[in-house]
Amino acid sequence: MSYDEVKRRIGPADRDVGSGLYIYVYDLGKDDQVILTFATLDHLLSAKVTHADGSVTDLVISSVNQ
């Protein structure tokens, strides 16, 4: 999935914190965040939720047919 596809589905990220990789942060409220990491803007590498308590949940990435 590309970043353009992500933006079409859920909107632009709240922040870009990447350096070397593209790392986009979406704030969910109460200090929870979704963090999407891209090698290039056309290739989503990982998706994680960081929780206010410091724990991290990996999200499963799968191809979605449109």
PDB file of N, CA and C in Angstrom:
ATOM      1  N   MET A   1       0.843  -1.165   0.000  1.00  0.00           N
ATOM      2  CA  MET A   1       0.000   0.000   0.000  1.00  0.00           C
ATOM      3  C   MET A   1       0.891   1.232   0.000  1.00  0.00           C
ATOM      4  N   SER A   2       0.509   2.219  -0.754  1.00  0.00           N
ATOM      5  CA  SER A   2       1.276   3.465  -0.834  1.00  0.00           C
ATOM      6  C   SER A   2       0.741   4.485   0.168  1.00  0.00           C
ATOM      7  N   TYR A   3       1.533   5.516   0.421  1.00  0.00           N
ATOM      8  CA  TYR A   3       1.077   6.580   1.309  1.00  0.00           C
ATOM      9  C   TYR A   3      -0.108   7.318   0.690  1.00  0.00           C
ATOM     10  N   ASP A   4      -0.120   7.478  -0.638  1.00  0.00           N
ATOM     11  CA  ASP A   4      -1.274   8.115  -1.292  1.00  0.00           C
ATOM     12  C   ASP A   4      -2.554   7.329  -1.036  1.00  0.00           C
ATOM     13  N   GLU A   5      -2.473   5.997  -1.064  1.00  0.00           N
ATOM     14  CA  GLU A   5      -3.649   5.165  -0.764  1.00  0.00           C
ATOM     15  C   GLU A   5      -4.098   5.356   0.688  1.00  0.00           C
ATOM     16  N   VAL A   6      -3.136   5.419   1.590  1.00  0.00           N
ATOM     17  CA  VAL A   6      -3.458   5.651   3.003  1.00  0.00           C
ATOM     18  C   VAL A   6      -4.163   6.991   3.156  1.00  0.00           C
ATOM     19  N   LYS A   7      -3.617   8.034   2.543  1.00  0.00           N
ATOM     20  CA  LYS A   7      -4.229   9.366   2.639  1.00  0.00           C
ATOM     21  C   LYS A   7      -5.651   9.374   2.095  1.00  0.00           C
ATOM     22  N   ARG A   8      -5.884   8.658   0.992  1.00  0.00           N
ATOM     23  CA  ARG A   8      -7.240   8.595   0.434  1.00  0.00           C
ATOM     24  C   ARG A   8      -8.209   7.915   1.396  1.00  0.00           C
ATOM     25  N   ARG A   9      -7.731   6.923   2.119  1.00  0.00           N
ATOM     26  CA  ARG A   9      -8.606   6.149   3.018  1.00  0.00           C
ATOM     27  C   ARG A   9      -8.812   6.815   4.381  1.00  0.00           C
ATOM     28  N   ILE A  10      -7.744   7.364   4.966  1.00  0.00           N
ATOM     29  CA  ILE A  10      -7.872   7.888   6.337  1.00  0.00           C
ATOM     30  C   ILE A  10      -7.375   9.318   6.517  1.00  0.00           C
ATOM     31  N   GLY A  11      -6.865   9.931   5.455  1.00  0.00           N
ATOM     32  CA  GLY A  11      -6.416  11.315   5.539  1.00  0.00           C
ATOM     33  C   GLY A  11      -4.920  11.417   5.791  1.00  0.00           C
ATOM     34  N   PRO A  12      -4.412  12.636   5.753  1.00  0.00           N
ATOM     35  CA  PRO A  12      -2.975  12.838   5.948  1.00  0.00           C
ATOM     36  C   PRO A  12      -2.573  12.612   7.410  1.00  0.00           C
ATOM     37  N   ALA A  13      -1.323  12.276   7.599  1.00  0.00           N
ATOM     38  CA  ALA A  13      -0.793  12.048   8.950  1.00  0.00           C
ATOM     39  C   ALA A  13      -0.737  13.358   9.723  1.00  0.00           C
ATOM     40  N   ASP A  14      -0.725  13.221  11.036  1.00  0.00           N
ATOM     41  CA  ASP A  14      -0.570  14.393  11.900  1.00  0.00           C
ATOM     42  C   ASP A  14       0.867  14.904  11.886  1.00  0.00           C
ATOM     43  N   ARG A  15       1.825  13.976  11.722  1.00  0.00           N
ATOM     44  CA  ARG A  15       3.235  14.350  11.713  1.00  0.00           C
ATOM     45  C   ARG A  15       4.041  13.384  10.875  1.00  0.00           C
ATOM     46  N   ASP A  16       5.144  13.901  10.327  1.00  0.00           N
ATOM     47  CA  ASP A  16       6.164  13.097   9.643  1.00  0.00           C
ATOM     48  C   ASP A  16       7.405  13.163  10.523  1.00  0.00           C
ATOM     49  N   VAL A  17       7.790  12.024  11.108  1.00  0.00           N
ATOM     50  CA  VAL A  17       8.929  12.017  12.027  1.00  0.00           C
ATOM     51  C   VAL A  17      10.107  11.213  11.480  1.00  0.00           C
ATOM     52  N   GLY A  18      10.027  10.830  10.223  1.00  0.00           N
ATOM     53  CA  GLY A  18      11.049   9.971   9.643  1.00  0.00           C
ATOM     54  C   GLY A  18      12.316  10.714   9.266  1.00  0.00           C
ATOM     55  N   SER A  19      13.398   9.949   9.257  1.00  0.00           N
ATOM     56  CA  SER A  19      14.689  10.425   8.777  1.00  0.00           C
ATOM     57  C   SER A  19      15.381   9.202   8.177  1.00  0.00           C
ATOM     58  N   GLY A  20      15.405   9.127   6.864  1.00  0.00           N
ATOM     59  CA  GLY A  20      15.918   7.936   6.190  1.00  0.00           C
ATOM     60  C   GLY A  20      14.779   7.050   5.734  1.00  0.00           C
ATOM     61  N   LEU A  21      13.805   6.817   6.618  1.00  0.00           N
ATOM     62  CA  LEU A  21      12.552   6.148   6.273  1.00  0.00           C
ATOM     63  C   LEU A  21      11.440   7.179   6.368  1.00  0.00           C
ATOM     64  N   TYR A  22      10.333   6.894   5.733  1.00  0.00           N
ATOM     65  CA  TYR A  22       9.149   7.735   5.870  1.00  0.00           C
ATOM     66  C   TYR A  22       8.346   7.173   7.038  1.00  0.00           C
ATOM     67  N   ILE A  23       8.208   7.955   8.101  1.00  0.00           N
ATOM     68  CA  ILE A  23       7.475   7.515   9.284  1.00  0.00           C
ATOM     69  C   ILE A  23       6.399   8.549   9.579  1.00  0.00           C
ATOM     70  N   TYR A  24       5.145   8.104   9.459  1.00  0.00           N
ATOM     71  CA  TYR A  24       4.001   8.991   9.629  1.00  0.00           C
ATOM     72  C   TYR A  24       3.240   8.613  10.887  1.00  0.00           C
ATOM     73  N   VAL A  25       2.863   9.626  11.668  1.00  0.00           N
ATOM     74  CA  VAL A  25       2.183   9.426  12.942  1.00  0.00           C
ATOM     75  C   VAL A  25       0.764   9.976  12.846  1.00  0.00           C
ATOM     76  N   TYR A  26      -0.192   9.159  13.275  1.00  0.00           N
ATOM     77  CA  TYR A  26      -1.598   9.544  13.388  1.00  0.00           C
ATOM     78  C   TYR A  26      -1.965   9.502  14.867  1.00  0.00           C
ATOM     79  N   ASP A  27      -2.362  10.644  15.421  1.00  0.00           N
ATOM     80  CA  ASP A  27      -2.756  10.699  16.829  1.00  0.00           C
ATOM     81  C   ASP A  27      -4.179  10.173  16.977  1.00  0.00           C
ATOM     82  N   LEU A  28      -4.363   9.260  17.943  1.00  0.00           N
ATOM     83  CA  LEU A  28      -5.678   8.659  18.175  1.00  0.00           C
ATOM     84  C   LEU A  28      -6.367   9.231  19.409  1.00  0.00           C
ATOM     85  N   GLY A  29      -5.684  10.024  20.176  1.00  0.00           N
ATOM     86  CA  GLY A  29      -6.241  10.568  21.409  1.00  0.00           C
ATOM     87  C   GLY A  29      -5.747   9.778  22.599  1.00  0.00           C
ATOM     88  N   LYS A  30      -5.778  10.407  23.770  1.00  0.00           N
ATOM     89  CA  LYS A  30      -5.304   9.776  25.014  1.00  0.00           C
ATOM     90  C   LYS A  30      -3.905   9.207  24.858  1.00  0.00           C
ATOM     91  N   ASP A  31      -3.064   9.867  24.070  1.00  0.00           N
ATOM     92  CA  ASP A  31      -1.658   9.506  23.873  1.00  0.00           C
ATOM     93  C   ASP A  31      -1.436   8.215  23.098  1.00  0.00           C
ATOM     94  N   ASP A  32      -2.469   7.656  22.485  1.00  0.00           N
ATOM     95  CA  ASP A  32      -2.295   6.513  21.585  1.00  0.00           C
ATOM     96  C   ASP A  32      -2.015   7.038  20.182  1.00  0.00           C
ATOM     97  N   GLN A  33      -1.186   6.305  19.437  1.00  0.00           N
ATOM     98  CA  GLN A  33      -0.814   6.726  18.086  1.00  0.00           C
ATOM     99  C   GLN A  33      -0.721   5.524  17.166  1.00  0.00           C
ATOM    100  N   VAL A  34      -1.049   5.751  15.898  1.00  0.00           N
ATOM    101  CA  VAL A  34      -0.731   4.781  14.848  1.00  0.00           C
ATOM    102  C   VAL A  34       0.510   5.305  14.154  1.00  0.00           C
ATOM    103  N   ILE A  35       1.497   4.426  13.974  1.00  0.00           N
ATOM    104  CA  ILE A  35       2.735   4.799  13.300  1.00  0.00           C
ATOM    105  C   ILE A  35       2.888   3.918  12.067  1.00  0.00           C
ATOM    106  N   LEU A  36       2.966   4.554  10.908  1.00  0.00           N
ATOM    107  CA  LEU A  36       3.138   3.855   9.637  1.00  0.00           C
ATOM    108  C   LEU A  36       4.537   4.141   9.120  1.00  0.00           C
ATOM    109  N   THR A  37       5.253   3.089   8.749  1.00  0.00           N
ATOM    110  CA  THR A  37       6.616   3.223   8.247  1.00  0.00           C
ATOM    111  C   THR A  37       6.669   2.749   6.799  1.00  0.00           C
ATOM    112  N   PHE A  38       7.260   3.572   5.953  1.00  0.00           N
ATOM    113  CA  PHE A  38       7.400   3.289   4.528  1.00  0.00           C
ATOM    114  C   PHE A  38       8.875   3.314   4.153  1.00  0.00           C
ATOM    115  N   ALA A  39       9.318   2.352   3.318  1.00  0.00           N
ATOM    116  CA  ALA A  39      10.670   2.383   2.757  1.00  0.00           C
ATOM    117  C   ALA A  39      10.718   3.427   1.645  1.00  0.00           C
ATOM    118  N   THR A  40       9.719   3.395   0.792  1.00  0.00           N
ATOM    119  CA  THR A  40       9.461   4.425  -0.212  1.00  0.00           C
ATOM    120  C   THR A  40       7.994   4.775  -0.049  1.00  0.00           C
ATOM    121  N   LEU A  41       7.565   5.846  -0.635  1.00  0.00           N
ATOM    122  CA  LEU A  41       6.163   6.243  -0.476  1.00  0.00           C
ATOM    123  C   LEU A  41       5.196   5.269  -1.129  1.00  0.00           C
ATOM    124  N   ASP A  42       5.724   4.305  -1.872  1.00  0.00           N
ATOM    125  CA  ASP A  42       4.887   3.290  -2.518  1.00  0.00           C
ATOM    126  C   ASP A  42       4.896   1.955  -1.797  1.00  0.00           C
ATOM    127  N   HIS A  43       5.602   1.845  -0.653  1.00  0.00           N
ATOM    128  CA  HIS A  43       5.757   0.537   0.000  1.00  0.00           C
ATOM    129  C   HIS A  43       5.647   0.655   1.517  1.00  0.00           C
ATOM    130  N   LEU A  44       4.475   0.299   2.063  1.00  0.00           N
ATOM    131  CA  LEU A  44       4.265   0.294   3.503  1.00  0.00           C
ATOM    132  C   LEU A  44       5.008  -0.885   4.124  1.00  0.00           C
ATOM    133  N   LEU A  45       5.915  -0.593   5.056  1.00  0.00           N
ATOM    134  CA  LEU A  45       6.703  -1.632   5.723  1.00  0.00           C
ATOM    135  C   LEU A  45       6.025  -2.151   6.985  1.00  0.00           C
ATOM    136  N   SER A  46       5.536  -1.221   7.813  1.00  0.00           N
ATOM    137  CA  SER A  46       4.946  -1.650   9.081  1.00  0.00           C
ATOM    138  C   SER A  46       3.886  -0.665   9.536  1.00  0.00           C
ATOM    139  N   ALA A  47       3.002  -1.184  10.382  1.00  0.00           N
ATOM    140  CA  ALA A  47       1.957  -0.372  11.004  1.00  0.00           C
ATOM    141  C   ALA A  47       1.859  -0.818  12.451  1.00  0.00           C
ATOM    142  N   LYS A  48       1.938   0.137  13.362  1.00  0.00           N
ATOM    143  CA  LYS A  48       1.918  -0.174  14.796  1.00  0.00           C
ATOM    144  C   LYS A  48       1.052   0.830  15.524  1.00  0.00           C
ATOM    145  N   VAL A  49       0.517   0.391  16.655  1.00  0.00           N
ATOM    146  CA  VAL A  49      -0.160   1.302  17.572  1.00  0.00           C
ATOM    147  C   VAL A  49       0.705   1.389  18.818  1.00  0.00           C
ATOM    148  N   THR A  50       1.056   2.608  19.196  1.00  0.00           N
ATOM    149  CA  THR A  50       1.741   2.801  20.471  1.00  0.00           C
ATOM    150  C   THR A  50       0.697   3.336  21.441  1.00  0.00           C
ATOM    151  N   HIS A  51       0.656   2.734  22.613  1.00  0.00           N
ATOM    152  CA  HIS A  51      -0.352   3.072  23.611  1.00  0.00           C
ATOM    153  C   HIS A  51       0.242   3.976  24.681  1.00  0.00           C
ATOM    154  N   ALA A  52      -0.626   4.673  25.378  1.00  0.00           N
ATOM    155  CA  ALA A  52      -0.195   5.620  26.408  1.00  0.00           C
ATOM    156  C   ALA A  52       0.671   4.954  27.478  1.00  0.00           C
ATOM    157  N   ASP A  53       0.467   3.668  27.731  1.00  0.00           N
ATOM    158  CA  ASP A  53       1.249   2.969  28.753  1.00  0.00           C
ATOM    159  C   ASP A  53       2.613   2.493  28.248  1.00  0.00           C
ATOM    160  N   GLY A  54       2.936   2.807  26.981  1.00  0.00           N
ATOM    161  CA  GLY A  54       4.228   2.439  26.406  1.00  0.00           C
ATOM    162  C   GLY A  54       4.216   1.127  25.643  1.00  0.00           C
ATOM    163  N   SER A  55       3.120   0.379  25.717  1.00  0.00           N
ATOM    164  CA  SER A  55       3.048  -0.884  24.977  1.00  0.00           C
ATOM    165  C   SER A  55       2.825  -0.608  23.490  1.00  0.00           C
ATOM    166  N   VAL A  56       3.197  -1.588  22.675  1.00  0.00           N
ATOM    167  CA  VAL A  56       3.091  -1.458  21.221  1.00  0.00           C
ATOM    168  C   VAL A  56       2.342  -2.666  20.669  1.00  0.00           C
ATOM    169  N   THR A  57       1.410  -2.414  19.757  1.00  0.00           N
ATOM    170  CA  THR A  57       0.676  -3.469  19.077  1.00  0.00           C
ATOM    171  C   THR A  57       1.006  -3.404  17.597  1.00  0.00           C
ATOM    172  N   ASP A  58       1.535  -4.497  17.045  1.00  0.00           N
ATOM    173  CA  ASP A  58       1.787  -4.569  15.607  1.00  0.00           C
ATOM    174  C   ASP A  58       0.468  -4.830  14.897  1.00  0.00           C
ATOM    175  N   LEU A  59       0.226  -4.099  13.821  1.00  0.00           N
ATOM    176  CA  LEU A  59      -0.971  -4.297  13.012  1.00  0.00           C
ATOM    177  C   LEU A  59      -0.604  -5.146  11.804  1.00  0.00           C
ATOM    178  N   VAL A  60      -1.495  -6.006  11.405  1.00  0.00           N
ATOM    179  CA  VAL A  60      -1.267  -6.879  10.258  1.00  0.00           C
ATOM    180  C   VAL A  60      -1.483  -6.062   8.989  1.00  0.00           C
ATOM    181  N   ILE A  61      -0.534  -6.171   8.077  1.00  0.00           N
ATOM    182  CA  ILE A  61      -0.625  -5.489   6.790  1.00  0.00           C
ATOM    183  C   ILE A  61      -0.969  -6.536   5.746  1.00  0.00           C
ATOM    184  N   SER A  62      -2.036  -6.300   5.022  1.00  0.00           N
ATOM    185  CA  SER A  62      -2.397  -7.218   3.928  1.00  0.00           C
ATOM    186  C   SER A  62      -2.824  -6.397   2.737  1.00  0.00           C
ATOM    187  N   SER A  63      -2.775  -7.005   1.576  1.00  0.00           N
ATOM    188  CA  SER A  63      -3.211  -6.338   0.359  1.00  0.00           C
ATOM    189  C   SER A  63      -4.711  -6.208   0.386  1.00  0.00           C
ATOM    190  N   VAL A  64      -5.200  -5.072  -0.062  1.00  0.00           N
ATOM    191  CA  VAL A  64      -6.631  -4.824  -0.103  1.00  0.00           C
ATOM    192  C   VAL A  64      -7.002  -4.561  -1.543  1.00  0.00           C
ATOM    193  N   ASN A  65      -7.891  -5.368  -2.075  1.00  0.00           N
ATOM    194  CA  ASN A  65      -8.373  -5.144  -3.436  1.00  0.00           C
ATOM    195  C   ASN A  65      -9.415  -4.049  -3.417  1.00  0.00           C
ATOM    196  N   GLN A  66      -9.319  -3.153  -4.365  1.00  0.00           N
ATOM    197  CA  GLN A  66     -10.276  -2.052  -4.422  1.00  0.00           C
ATOM    198  C   GLN A  66     -11.385  -2.357  -5.389  1.00  0.00           C
TER     199      GLN A  66
END
